[in-house]
Amino acid sequence: MDLAISNHIKDVLSKATCIYTKKQVEAALDKMAEEITEKIGESCPVFLCVLLGGIIPLGNLLPRLNFPLEIDYVHVGRYGNFSEGGEFKWKAKPRTNLNNRTVVIVDDILDGGVTLARIIEFCKLEGAKDVFSAVLIDKKKRRVPGAIEDVDFKGLIIEDKFVFGYGLDYQEYLRNVPGIYAVADEHIVTAE
């Protein structure tokens, strides 16, 4: 890694504000697991991880689920290195046959709601019997028209801030930070 990039990322982390600690995130994941188990635990669901952000939330959620399930993934893109959403792009669709299955889509954050809406629509078109959505973070802001308003399972709620940690990235870095942090205003990058 370039030294300038390394120093910049360290500066971003040092000036960020912790919104939720690792302990608070873990407690939220415990609660989500209980809710998911109660609602769909007997259905042998397929969990679809939304890459890349959903890796850490799903990876930490799975050991908390004590019922038969399958795992697959979708890879879509909208953000790149900016804090504002862009064009929706499919990079990978699930290999698992979703026909007549219960599907749980797991992502890091519900922001504008466009990404999850498109993935839910895809699952329904593939014949899924039931489609549920789960996110670690629900960013409480006005949703984009035509997007979903809410999810079935959520861990934590934040105000309209650009955040990183536990799967959420800052310019593709800091997904591995144990907690949820708000980026300082001086480090917020937007598309021009």
N, C-alpha and C. Protein backbone atom coordinates (compact mmCIF):
# COMPACT_ATOMS: atom_id res chain seq x y z
N MET A 1 0.85 -1.17 0.00
CA MET A 1 0.00 0.00 0.00
C MET A 1 0.89 1.23 0.00
N ASP A 2 0.48 2.18 -0.76
CA ASP A 2 1.16 3.47 -0.83
C ASP A 2 1.17 4.11 0.55
N LEU A 3 2.31 4.68 0.96
CA LEU A 3 2.43 5.30 2.28
C LEU A 3 1.44 6.44 2.47
N ALA A 4 1.20 7.23 1.43
CA ALA A 4 0.24 8.34 1.53
C ALA A 4 -1.17 7.82 1.80
N ILE A 5 -1.55 6.72 1.12
CA ILE A 5 -2.88 6.13 1.35
C ILE A 5 -2.95 5.59 2.77
N SER A 6 -1.92 4.87 3.19
CA SER A 6 -1.88 4.33 4.54
C SER A 6 -2.04 5.42 5.59
N ASN A 7 -1.32 6.49 5.43
CA ASN A 7 -1.42 7.61 6.39
C ASN A 7 -2.80 8.25 6.36
N HIS A 8 -3.38 8.37 5.15
CA HIS A 8 -4.72 8.94 5.04
C HIS A 8 -5.74 8.07 5.77
N ILE A 9 -5.70 6.76 5.55
CA ILE A 9 -6.65 5.85 6.19
C ILE A 9 -6.48 5.89 7.71
N LYS A 10 -5.25 5.94 8.18
CA LYS A 10 -5.01 6.05 9.63
C LYS A 10 -5.58 7.35 10.17
N ASP A 11 -5.48 8.43 9.40
CA ASP A 11 -6.03 9.72 9.81
C ASP A 11 -7.56 9.66 9.86
N VAL A 12 -8.17 9.01 8.88
CA VAL A 12 -9.62 8.85 8.86
C VAL A 12 -10.07 8.12 10.12
N LEU A 13 -9.41 7.01 10.45
CA LEU A 13 -9.77 6.24 11.63
C LEU A 13 -9.56 7.04 12.91
N SER A 14 -8.46 7.78 13.01
CA SER A 14 -8.16 8.51 14.25
C SER A 14 -9.14 9.66 14.49
N LYS A 15 -9.74 10.20 13.43
CA LYS A 15 -10.66 11.34 13.58
C LYS A 15 -12.13 10.93 13.55
N ALA A 16 -12.40 9.65 13.34
CA ALA A 16 -13.78 9.16 13.29
C ALA A 16 -14.36 9.07 14.69
N THR A 17 -15.68 9.08 14.76
CA THR A 17 -16.40 8.99 16.02
C THR A 17 -17.07 7.62 16.14
N CYS A 18 -16.83 6.93 17.24
CA CYS A 18 -17.46 5.63 17.45
C CYS A 18 -18.94 5.84 17.78
N ILE A 19 -19.79 5.23 16.96
CA ILE A 19 -21.24 5.31 17.19
C ILE A 19 -21.70 4.08 17.97
N TYR A 20 -21.20 2.90 17.58
CA TYR A 20 -21.52 1.65 18.27
C TYR A 20 -20.23 0.86 18.48
N THR A 21 -20.03 0.39 19.69
CA THR A 21 -18.86 -0.42 20.03
C THR A 21 -19.05 -1.85 19.51
N LYS A 22 -17.97 -2.62 19.54
CA LYS A 22 -18.05 -4.03 19.16
C LYS A 22 -19.07 -4.77 20.02
N LYS A 23 -19.07 -4.48 21.30
CA LYS A 23 -20.02 -5.13 22.22
C LYS A 23 -21.47 -4.81 21.84
N GLN A 24 -21.74 -3.58 21.47
CA GLN A 24 -23.10 -3.20 21.06
C GLN A 24 -23.48 -3.87 19.74
N VAL A 25 -22.53 -3.98 18.81
CA VAL A 25 -22.80 -4.65 17.55
C VAL A 25 -23.09 -6.12 17.79
N GLU A 26 -22.29 -6.76 18.64
CA GLU A 26 -22.49 -8.17 18.95
C GLU A 26 -23.87 -8.41 19.58
N ALA A 27 -24.29 -7.52 20.47
CA ALA A 27 -25.62 -7.64 21.09
C ALA A 27 -26.72 -7.50 20.03
N ALA A 28 -26.52 -6.60 19.08
CA ALA A 28 -27.50 -6.42 18.01
C ALA A 28 -27.58 -7.68 17.13
N LEU A 29 -26.44 -8.30 16.87
CA LEU A 29 -26.42 -9.54 16.09
C LEU A 29 -27.12 -10.68 16.85
N ASP A 30 -26.95 -10.73 18.16
CA ASP A 30 -27.67 -11.73 18.98
C ASP A 30 -29.18 -11.56 18.82
N LYS A 31 -29.63 -10.32 18.90
CA LYS A 31 -31.06 -10.02 18.78
C LYS A 31 -31.58 -10.37 17.39
N MET A 32 -30.81 -10.02 16.36
CA MET A 32 -31.22 -10.36 14.99
C MET A 32 -31.35 -11.88 14.83
N ALA A 33 -30.39 -12.63 15.36
CA ALA A 33 -30.41 -14.09 15.25
C ALA A 33 -31.66 -14.66 15.91
N GLU A 34 -32.01 -14.15 17.07
CA GLU A 34 -33.22 -14.61 17.75
C GLU A 34 -34.46 -14.35 16.90
N GLU A 35 -34.56 -13.15 16.34
CA GLU A 35 -35.72 -12.79 15.52
C GLU A 35 -35.79 -13.64 14.25
N ILE A 36 -34.66 -13.85 13.60
CA ILE A 36 -34.63 -14.66 12.39
C ILE A 36 -35.01 -16.09 12.69
N THR A 37 -34.46 -16.65 13.77
CA THR A 37 -34.76 -18.02 14.16
C THR A 37 -36.25 -18.19 14.43
N GLU A 38 -36.83 -17.25 15.15
CA GLU A 38 -38.25 -17.33 15.50
C GLU A 38 -39.13 -17.27 14.25
N LYS A 39 -38.77 -16.43 13.30
CA LYS A 39 -39.62 -16.21 12.13
C LYS A 39 -39.44 -17.26 11.04
N ILE A 40 -38.20 -17.72 10.79
CA ILE A 40 -37.99 -18.60 9.63
C ILE A 40 -37.12 -19.81 9.91
N GLY A 41 -36.83 -20.09 11.15
CA GLY A 41 -35.89 -21.15 11.50
C GLY A 41 -36.23 -22.53 11.00
N GLU A 42 -37.48 -22.81 10.70
CA GLU A 42 -37.88 -24.15 10.26
C GLU A 42 -37.96 -24.28 8.75
N SER A 43 -37.57 -23.26 8.00
CA SER A 43 -37.81 -23.26 6.55
C SER A 43 -36.62 -23.65 5.68
N CYS A 44 -35.49 -24.05 6.27
CA CYS A 44 -34.27 -24.36 5.51
C CYS A 44 -33.96 -23.26 4.49
N PRO A 45 -33.76 -22.05 4.96
CA PRO A 45 -33.60 -20.92 4.04
C PRO A 45 -32.24 -20.89 3.34
N VAL A 46 -32.20 -20.04 2.31
CA VAL A 46 -30.97 -19.70 1.63
C VAL A 46 -30.61 -18.28 2.08
N PHE A 47 -29.43 -18.11 2.65
CA PHE A 47 -28.95 -16.78 3.02
C PHE A 47 -28.09 -16.26 1.88
N LEU A 48 -28.46 -15.10 1.34
CA LEU A 48 -27.69 -14.47 0.28
C LEU A 48 -26.91 -13.31 0.87
N CYS A 49 -25.60 -13.43 0.82
CA CYS A 49 -24.72 -12.38 1.30
C CYS A 49 -24.54 -11.36 0.18
N VAL A 50 -24.77 -10.09 0.48
CA VAL A 50 -24.53 -9.03 -0.49
C VAL A 50 -23.08 -8.60 -0.33
N LEU A 51 -22.27 -8.94 -1.35
CA LEU A 51 -20.84 -8.61 -1.29
C LEU A 51 -20.63 -7.15 -1.64
N LEU A 52 -19.68 -6.54 -1.07
CA LEU A 52 -18.69 -7.01 -0.13
C LEU A 52 -19.11 -6.72 1.31
N GLY A 53 -19.95 -5.74 1.49
CA GLY A 53 -20.30 -5.28 2.83
C GLY A 53 -20.97 -6.31 3.72
N GLY A 54 -21.71 -7.25 3.14
CA GLY A 54 -22.44 -8.22 3.94
C GLY A 54 -21.60 -9.35 4.49
N ILE A 55 -20.33 -9.45 4.08
CA ILE A 55 -19.49 -10.56 4.53
C ILE A 55 -19.36 -10.61 6.05
N ILE A 56 -18.99 -9.52 6.66
CA ILE A 56 -18.75 -9.53 8.10
C ILE A 56 -20.06 -9.67 8.88
N PRO A 57 -21.13 -8.92 8.54
CA PRO A 57 -22.38 -9.15 9.26
C PRO A 57 -22.88 -10.60 9.15
N LEU A 58 -22.87 -11.17 7.93
CA LEU A 58 -23.34 -12.55 7.78
C LEU A 58 -22.40 -13.53 8.48
N GLY A 59 -21.09 -13.32 8.33
CA GLY A 59 -20.13 -14.21 8.99
C GLY A 59 -20.28 -14.24 10.49
N ASN A 60 -20.67 -13.12 11.07
CA ASN A 60 -20.89 -13.07 12.53
C ASN A 60 -22.29 -13.53 12.92
N LEU A 61 -23.23 -13.47 11.99
CA LEU A 61 -24.60 -13.90 12.26
C LEU A 61 -24.73 -15.43 12.19
N LEU A 62 -24.06 -16.06 11.24
CA LEU A 62 -24.23 -17.50 11.00
C LEU A 62 -24.01 -18.37 12.23
N PRO A 63 -22.95 -18.18 13.03
CA PRO A 63 -22.77 -19.06 14.20
C PRO A 63 -23.87 -18.91 15.25
N ARG A 64 -24.68 -17.89 15.13
CA ARG A 64 -25.78 -17.65 16.06
C ARG A 64 -27.07 -18.34 15.61
N LEU A 65 -27.07 -18.92 14.41
CA LEU A 65 -28.26 -19.55 13.85
C LEU A 65 -28.13 -21.05 13.93
N ASN A 66 -29.01 -21.68 14.69
CA ASN A 66 -28.92 -23.12 14.93
C ASN A 66 -30.01 -23.89 14.19
N PHE A 67 -30.05 -23.73 12.88
CA PHE A 67 -31.00 -24.47 12.06
C PHE A 67 -30.37 -24.69 10.68
N PRO A 68 -30.88 -25.66 9.92
CA PRO A 68 -30.32 -25.94 8.59
C PRO A 68 -30.52 -24.74 7.65
N LEU A 69 -29.45 -24.41 6.92
CA LEU A 69 -29.52 -23.29 5.98
C LEU A 69 -28.46 -23.47 4.91
N GLU A 70 -28.64 -22.77 3.81
CA GLU A 70 -27.63 -22.72 2.75
C GLU A 70 -27.13 -21.29 2.64
N ILE A 71 -25.95 -21.14 2.07
CA ILE A 71 -25.36 -19.81 1.89
C ILE A 71 -24.98 -19.64 0.42
N ASP A 72 -25.27 -18.47 -0.10
CA ASP A 72 -24.84 -18.09 -1.44
C ASP A 72 -24.58 -16.59 -1.38
N TYR A 73 -24.32 -15.99 -2.51
CA TYR A 73 -24.03 -14.56 -2.50
C TYR A 73 -24.50 -13.90 -3.78
N VAL A 74 -24.64 -12.59 -3.69
CA VAL A 74 -24.81 -11.73 -4.85
C VAL A 74 -23.75 -10.65 -4.73
N HIS A 75 -23.32 -10.17 -5.88
CA HIS A 75 -22.34 -9.08 -5.88
C HIS A 75 -22.87 -8.00 -6.81
N VAL A 76 -23.20 -6.89 -6.20
CA VAL A 76 -23.70 -5.75 -6.95
C VAL A 76 -22.89 -4.53 -6.56
N GLY A 77 -22.94 -3.53 -7.38
CA GLY A 77 -22.21 -2.31 -7.07
C GLY A 77 -23.04 -1.08 -7.33
N ARG A 78 -22.87 -0.08 -6.46
CA ARG A 78 -23.51 1.21 -6.66
C ARG A 78 -22.65 2.36 -6.17
N TYR A 79 -21.72 2.12 -5.27
CA TYR A 79 -21.06 3.24 -4.62
C TYR A 79 -19.66 3.56 -5.09
N GLY A 80 -18.86 2.55 -5.40
CA GLY A 80 -17.47 2.84 -5.73
C GLY A 80 -16.79 3.50 -4.55
N ASN A 81 -16.07 4.58 -4.78
CA ASN A 81 -15.35 5.27 -3.69
C ASN A 81 -16.07 6.52 -3.21
N PHE A 82 -17.34 6.64 -3.53
CA PHE A 82 -18.07 7.85 -3.15
C PHE A 82 -19.14 7.53 -2.12
N SER A 83 -19.62 8.55 -1.43
CA SER A 83 -20.64 8.35 -0.41
C SER A 83 -22.05 8.45 -0.98
N GLU A 84 -22.19 8.80 -2.24
CA GLU A 84 -23.50 8.89 -2.88
C GLU A 84 -23.67 7.71 -3.83
N GLY A 85 -24.90 7.19 -3.93
CA GLY A 85 -25.17 6.04 -4.79
C GLY A 85 -25.01 6.37 -6.25
N GLY A 86 -24.68 5.37 -7.03
CA GLY A 86 -24.52 5.52 -8.46
C GLY A 86 -25.34 4.48 -9.20
N GLU A 87 -24.93 4.15 -10.40
CA GLU A 87 -25.64 3.18 -11.23
C GLU A 87 -25.53 1.78 -10.64
N PHE A 88 -26.64 1.04 -10.68
CA PHE A 88 -26.70 -0.33 -10.17
C PHE A 88 -26.07 -1.27 -11.19
N LYS A 89 -25.15 -2.15 -10.73
CA LYS A 89 -24.47 -3.09 -11.63
C LYS A 89 -24.42 -4.48 -10.98
N TRP A 90 -24.89 -5.50 -11.73
CA TRP A 90 -24.74 -6.89 -11.28
C TRP A 90 -23.33 -7.35 -11.60
N LYS A 91 -22.62 -7.86 -10.59
CA LYS A 91 -21.31 -8.46 -10.80
C LYS A 91 -21.38 -9.98 -10.70
N ALA A 92 -22.29 -10.49 -9.85
CA ALA A 92 -22.51 -11.93 -9.71
C ALA A 92 -23.90 -12.18 -9.15
N LYS A 93 -24.58 -13.15 -9.74
CA LYS A 93 -25.90 -13.57 -9.26
C LYS A 93 -25.75 -14.90 -8.55
N PRO A 94 -26.69 -15.27 -7.69
CA PRO A 94 -26.55 -16.53 -6.93
C PRO A 94 -26.58 -17.75 -7.86
N ARG A 95 -25.86 -18.78 -7.45
CA ARG A 95 -25.83 -20.05 -8.18
C ARG A 95 -26.94 -20.99 -7.69
N THR A 96 -27.39 -20.78 -6.47
CA THR A 96 -28.42 -21.62 -5.86
C THR A 96 -29.76 -21.39 -6.53
N ASN A 97 -30.50 -22.47 -6.77
CA ASN A 97 -31.85 -22.37 -7.31
C ASN A 97 -32.75 -21.81 -6.19
N LEU A 98 -33.34 -20.66 -6.43
CA LEU A 98 -34.16 -19.99 -5.43
C LEU A 98 -35.64 -20.35 -5.54
N ASN A 99 -36.00 -21.11 -6.56
CA ASN A 99 -37.40 -21.46 -6.77
C ASN A 99 -38.00 -22.17 -5.56
N ASN A 100 -39.11 -21.64 -5.08
CA ASN A 100 -39.86 -22.19 -3.94
C ASN A 100 -39.06 -22.23 -2.64
N ARG A 101 -38.08 -21.36 -2.51
CA ARG A 101 -37.23 -21.31 -1.31
C ARG A 101 -37.52 -20.05 -0.50
N THR A 102 -37.20 -20.12 0.78
CA THR A 102 -37.18 -18.94 1.64
C THR A 102 -35.78 -18.35 1.52
N VAL A 103 -35.71 -17.07 1.22
CA VAL A 103 -34.43 -16.40 0.99
C VAL A 103 -34.29 -15.26 2.01
N VAL A 104 -33.11 -15.17 2.59
CA VAL A 104 -32.79 -14.05 3.49
C VAL A 104 -31.59 -13.33 2.89
N ILE A 105 -31.80 -12.09 2.49
CA ILE A 105 -30.74 -11.27 1.91
C ILE A 105 -30.08 -10.51 3.05
N VAL A 106 -28.76 -10.66 3.20
CA VAL A 106 -28.04 -10.02 4.30
C VAL A 106 -27.06 -8.99 3.72
N ASP A 107 -27.22 -7.74 4.16
CA ASP A 107 -26.35 -6.67 3.71
C ASP A 107 -25.85 -5.90 4.93
N ASP A 108 -24.88 -5.03 4.70
CA ASP A 108 -24.33 -4.25 5.80
C ASP A 108 -25.25 -3.10 6.21
N ILE A 109 -25.87 -2.42 5.22
CA ILE A 109 -26.61 -1.19 5.54
C ILE A 109 -27.81 -1.00 4.63
N LEU A 110 -28.88 -0.48 5.18
CA LEU A 110 -30.02 0.01 4.39
C LEU A 110 -29.88 1.51 4.36
N ASP A 111 -29.60 2.02 3.18
CA ASP A 111 -29.39 3.45 2.99
C ASP A 111 -30.56 3.97 2.16
N GLY A 112 -30.36 4.18 0.87
CA GLY A 112 -31.45 4.63 0.01
C GLY A 112 -32.47 3.55 -0.27
N GLY A 113 -32.05 2.28 -0.17
CA GLY A 113 -32.95 1.15 -0.36
C GLY A 113 -33.01 0.59 -1.77
N VAL A 114 -32.27 1.17 -2.70
CA VAL A 114 -32.30 0.74 -4.10
C VAL A 114 -31.68 -0.64 -4.27
N THR A 115 -30.51 -0.87 -3.70
CA THR A 115 -29.81 -2.14 -3.87
C THR A 115 -30.67 -3.30 -3.37
N LEU A 116 -31.17 -3.19 -2.15
CA LEU A 116 -31.99 -4.28 -1.61
C LEU A 116 -33.27 -4.47 -2.42
N ALA A 117 -33.88 -3.39 -2.87
CA ALA A 117 -35.10 -3.51 -3.67
C ALA A 117 -34.83 -4.31 -4.95
N ARG A 118 -33.72 -4.04 -5.60
CA ARG A 118 -33.38 -4.74 -6.85
C ARG A 118 -33.09 -6.22 -6.58
N ILE A 119 -32.41 -6.52 -5.48
CA ILE A 119 -32.09 -7.92 -5.16
C ILE A 119 -33.37 -8.67 -4.77
N ILE A 120 -34.24 -8.04 -4.00
CA ILE A 120 -35.53 -8.66 -3.64
C ILE A 120 -36.33 -8.96 -4.90
N GLU A 121 -36.41 -8.00 -5.80
CA GLU A 121 -37.13 -8.19 -7.06
C GLU A 121 -36.55 -9.36 -7.84
N PHE A 122 -35.23 -9.45 -7.91
CA PHE A 122 -34.57 -10.56 -8.60
C PHE A 122 -34.97 -11.90 -7.98
N CYS A 123 -34.92 -12.00 -6.65
CA CYS A 123 -35.26 -13.26 -5.97
C CYS A 123 -36.70 -13.67 -6.25
N LYS A 124 -37.60 -12.71 -6.27
CA LYS A 124 -39.01 -13.01 -6.56
C LYS A 124 -39.16 -13.50 -8.01
N LEU A 125 -38.45 -12.86 -8.93
CA LEU A 125 -38.50 -13.30 -10.32
C LEU A 125 -37.92 -14.70 -10.50
N GLU A 126 -37.00 -15.09 -9.61
CA GLU A 126 -36.42 -16.43 -9.65
C GLU A 126 -37.32 -17.46 -8.97
N GLY A 127 -38.48 -17.04 -8.46
CA GLY A 127 -39.46 -17.95 -7.89
C GLY A 127 -39.35 -18.19 -6.40
N ALA A 128 -38.61 -17.35 -5.68
CA ALA A 128 -38.51 -17.54 -4.23
C ALA A 128 -39.89 -17.50 -3.59
N LYS A 129 -40.13 -18.41 -2.65
CA LYS A 129 -41.41 -18.48 -1.95
C LYS A 129 -41.58 -17.29 -1.02
N ASP A 130 -40.55 -17.00 -0.23
CA ASP A 130 -40.54 -15.86 0.69
C ASP A 130 -39.18 -15.20 0.59
N VAL A 131 -39.16 -13.88 0.64
CA VAL A 131 -37.91 -13.14 0.60
C VAL A 131 -37.89 -12.18 1.79
N PHE A 132 -36.85 -12.32 2.61
CA PHE A 132 -36.66 -11.46 3.77
C PHE A 132 -35.36 -10.68 3.60
N SER A 133 -35.29 -9.54 4.23
CA SER A 133 -34.07 -8.72 4.17
C SER A 133 -33.57 -8.48 5.58
N ALA A 134 -32.24 -8.48 5.72
CA ALA A 134 -31.61 -8.26 7.02
C ALA A 134 -30.39 -7.36 6.82
N VAL A 135 -30.28 -6.34 7.65
CA VAL A 135 -29.12 -5.45 7.59
C VAL A 135 -28.59 -5.21 9.00
N LEU A 136 -27.30 -5.02 9.08
CA LEU A 136 -26.70 -4.67 10.37
C LEU A 136 -27.09 -3.25 10.75
N ILE A 137 -27.06 -2.33 9.77
CA ILE A 137 -27.31 -0.91 10.04
C ILE A 137 -28.48 -0.41 9.20
N ASP A 138 -29.41 0.28 9.83
CA ASP A 138 -30.49 0.97 9.14
C ASP A 138 -30.21 2.46 9.27
N LYS A 139 -29.87 3.07 8.15
CA LYS A 139 -29.61 4.52 8.14
C LYS A 139 -30.95 5.21 7.97
N LYS A 140 -31.41 5.87 9.01
CA LYS A 140 -32.71 6.53 8.99
C LYS A 140 -32.63 7.83 8.21
N LYS A 141 -32.92 7.72 6.95
CA LYS A 141 -33.02 8.91 6.13
C LYS A 141 -34.10 8.65 5.10
N ARG A 142 -34.47 9.65 4.36
CA ARG A 142 -35.52 9.46 3.36
C ARG A 142 -35.03 8.48 2.30
N ARG A 143 -35.82 7.47 2.04
CA ARG A 143 -35.47 6.47 1.05
C ARG A 143 -35.67 7.04 -0.36
N VAL A 144 -35.00 6.43 -1.30
CA VAL A 144 -35.10 6.81 -2.70
C VAL A 144 -36.47 6.34 -3.23
N PRO A 145 -37.15 7.12 -4.06
CA PRO A 145 -38.42 6.66 -4.63
C PRO A 145 -38.26 5.32 -5.36
N GLY A 146 -39.20 4.43 -5.12
CA GLY A 146 -39.16 3.11 -5.75
C GLY A 146 -38.32 2.09 -5.00
N ALA A 147 -37.68 2.51 -3.93
CA ALA A 147 -36.84 1.60 -3.13
C ALA A 147 -37.65 1.06 -1.96
N ILE A 148 -37.05 0.13 -1.22
CA ILE A 148 -37.76 -0.38 -0.05
C ILE A 148 -37.66 0.62 1.09
N GLU A 149 -38.68 0.66 1.92
CA GLU A 149 -38.72 1.59 3.04
C GLU A 149 -38.11 1.00 4.30
N ASP A 150 -38.20 -0.32 4.46
CA ASP A 150 -37.74 -0.95 5.70
C ASP A 150 -37.31 -2.38 5.40
N VAL A 151 -36.64 -2.98 6.37
CA VAL A 151 -36.19 -4.37 6.24
C VAL A 151 -36.90 -5.22 7.28
N ASP A 152 -36.81 -6.53 7.11
CA ASP A 152 -37.46 -7.45 8.04
C ASP A 152 -36.68 -7.59 9.34
N PHE A 153 -35.34 -7.56 9.24
CA PHE A 153 -34.48 -7.72 10.41
C PHE A 153 -33.39 -6.66 10.36
N LYS A 154 -33.22 -5.93 11.46
CA LYS A 154 -32.16 -4.92 11.52
C LYS A 154 -31.47 -4.97 12.86
N GLY A 155 -30.20 -4.63 12.84
CA GLY A 155 -29.42 -4.63 14.07
C GLY A 155 -29.43 -3.29 14.77
N LEU A 156 -28.94 -2.26 14.09
CA LEU A 156 -28.74 -0.95 14.71
C LEU A 156 -29.27 0.15 13.80
N ILE A 157 -29.59 1.27 14.39
CA ILE A 157 -30.09 2.42 13.64
C ILE A 157 -29.12 3.58 13.80
N ILE A 158 -28.85 4.27 12.69
CA ILE A 158 -28.01 5.47 12.75
C ILE A 158 -28.70 6.61 12.02
N GLU A 159 -28.26 7.80 12.34
CA GLU A 159 -28.74 8.98 11.61
C GLU A 159 -28.02 9.02 10.27
N ASP A 160 -28.26 10.05 9.50
CA ASP A 160 -27.69 10.17 8.16
C ASP A 160 -26.22 10.60 8.24
N LYS A 161 -25.36 9.61 8.48
CA LYS A 161 -23.92 9.82 8.56
C LYS A 161 -23.23 8.80 7.67
N PHE A 162 -22.05 9.16 7.18
CA PHE A 162 -21.24 8.20 6.42
C PHE A 162 -20.44 7.41 7.45
N VAL A 163 -20.61 6.08 7.44
CA VAL A 163 -20.02 5.23 8.47
C VAL A 163 -19.17 4.12 7.88
N PHE A 164 -18.33 3.55 8.72
CA PHE A 164 -17.51 2.39 8.33
C PHE A 164 -17.37 1.47 9.53
N GLY A 165 -16.88 0.26 9.25
CA GLY A 165 -16.65 -0.75 10.28
C GLY A 165 -17.64 -1.90 10.15
N TYR A 166 -17.24 -3.07 10.62
CA TYR A 166 -18.09 -4.27 10.61
C TYR A 166 -18.66 -4.57 9.23
N GLY A 167 -17.88 -4.38 8.21
CA GLY A 167 -18.30 -4.66 6.84
C GLY A 167 -18.47 -3.41 5.99
N LEU A 168 -18.81 -2.31 6.61
CA LEU A 168 -18.96 -1.04 5.89
C LEU A 168 -17.58 -0.46 5.63
N ASP A 169 -17.39 0.10 4.43
CA ASP A 169 -16.05 0.57 4.09
C ASP A 169 -15.96 2.08 3.97
N TYR A 170 -14.73 2.53 4.03
CA TYR A 170 -14.36 3.90 3.66
C TYR A 170 -13.37 3.76 2.52
N GLN A 171 -13.80 4.07 1.31
CA GLN A 171 -12.97 3.94 0.11
C GLN A 171 -12.29 2.57 0.03
N GLU A 172 -13.06 1.53 0.31
CA GLU A 172 -12.64 0.13 0.27
C GLU A 172 -11.75 -0.30 1.44
N TYR A 173 -11.50 0.57 2.38
CA TYR A 173 -10.71 0.26 3.58
C TYR A 173 -11.62 0.30 4.81
N LEU A 174 -11.11 -0.18 5.92
CA LEU A 174 -11.70 -0.08 7.25
C LEU A 174 -12.94 -0.94 7.47
N ARG A 175 -13.23 -1.90 6.55
CA ARG A 175 -14.35 -2.82 6.77
C ARG A 175 -14.11 -3.67 8.02
N ASN A 176 -12.85 -3.89 8.36
CA ASN A 176 -12.47 -4.79 9.45
C ASN A 176 -12.46 -4.12 10.83
N VAL A 177 -12.81 -2.87 10.92
CA VAL A 177 -12.80 -2.17 12.20
C VAL A 177 -13.93 -2.73 13.08
N PRO A 178 -13.62 -3.12 14.33
CA PRO A 178 -14.62 -3.73 15.21
C PRO A 178 -15.49 -2.69 15.91
N GLY A 179 -16.49 -2.23 15.22
CA GLY A 179 -17.42 -1.23 15.73
C GLY A 179 -17.92 -0.43 14.55
N ILE A 180 -18.84 0.48 14.79
CA ILE A 180 -19.37 1.34 13.74
C ILE A 180 -18.93 2.76 14.03
N TYR A 181 -18.27 3.39 13.05
CA TYR A 181 -17.68 4.71 13.22
C TYR A 181 -18.21 5.68 12.17
N ALA A 182 -18.46 6.92 12.58
CA ALA A 182 -18.85 7.98 11.66
C ALA A 182 -17.60 8.70 11.17
N VAL A 183 -17.55 8.92 9.87
CA VAL A 183 -16.43 9.61 9.24
C VAL A 183 -16.50 11.10 9.59
N ALA A 184 -15.37 11.69 9.94
CA ALA A 184 -15.31 13.13 10.19
C ALA A 184 -15.64 13.88 8.90
N ASP A 185 -16.29 15.01 9.02
CA ASP A 185 -16.70 15.80 7.85
C ASP A 185 -15.56 16.04 6.87
N GLU A 186 -14.37 16.27 7.37
CA GLU A 186 -13.24 16.58 6.48
C GLU A 186 -12.84 15.41 5.58
N HIS A 187 -13.31 14.20 5.91
CA HIS A 187 -12.94 13.01 5.12
C HIS A 187 -14.06 12.48 4.25
N ILE A 188 -15.20 13.13 4.24
CA ILE A 188 -16.30 12.66 3.41
C ILE A 188 -16.03 13.04 1.96
N VAL A 189 -16.08 12.02 1.09
CA VAL A 189 -15.81 12.20 -0.32
C VAL A 189 -17.13 12.01 -1.07
N THR A 190 -17.47 12.94 -1.95
CA THR A 190 -18.69 12.82 -2.73
C THR A 190 -18.35 12.87 -4.21
N ALA A 191 -19.25 12.31 -5.01
CA ALA A 191 -19.06 12.36 -6.47
C ALA A 191 -19.25 13.79 -6.94
N GLU A 192 -18.48 14.18 -7.93
CA GLU A 192 -18.60 15.55 -8.45
C GLU A 192 -19.47 15.58 -9.67
